[in-house]
Amino acid sequence: MDNREKLDSLIVEACNAAGVSLVELDMFRAGKRKTIRLFIDKPEGVSIDDCSNVSRHLSDALDLDPEIIEGAYTLEVSSPGLDRPLKSVADFIRNKGRFIRVTRSTGKPITGKLVEADEQNLTLALKGNAGNVVVPRAEVLVAKVDVQI
């Protein structure tokens, strides 16, 4: 197992221990330091404690094996944020039951409660008992959670 595989395994372990899902992982170099940025989520939303738990668990594991990440590094753990575009099937499935706003290649945006999602389609329940609409994923330019206030 190489160092990247070890790191990926430790990240999964830290997320599982905190009861969250890994949404996205960014790794990049800023000067001499590496930055590892994790975005985590769970159905009821992520708290600061969730971020702290993942960070602490992962930091402790990395301290035990300093060869996984050579040199100095910065670890950042946060929620994906409300304005992050939904891209993968996992993103959509994680947001089932929430209102999303979809901008389609065929015209104006549509907003509805996400009922179902798979590789091919999104099914949205429109407001006001207007029924469900199926949006082919191929038509989706941008999809984001529509915050209801």
Foldseek 3Di string as FASTA:
>chain_A
DALVVVLVVQLVVQQVVLVWAWDDWDWDDDPPEIEIETAIAALVGDDPVSQVSSVVSSVVVCVVPVVSDPDHYHYHYYHPDQFDWQDDQVSLVSQQQFWKWFQFQVDHIAIFHFHDGDQFWTWGQHPPRPGIDIDTPVGTPTMTGDDDD
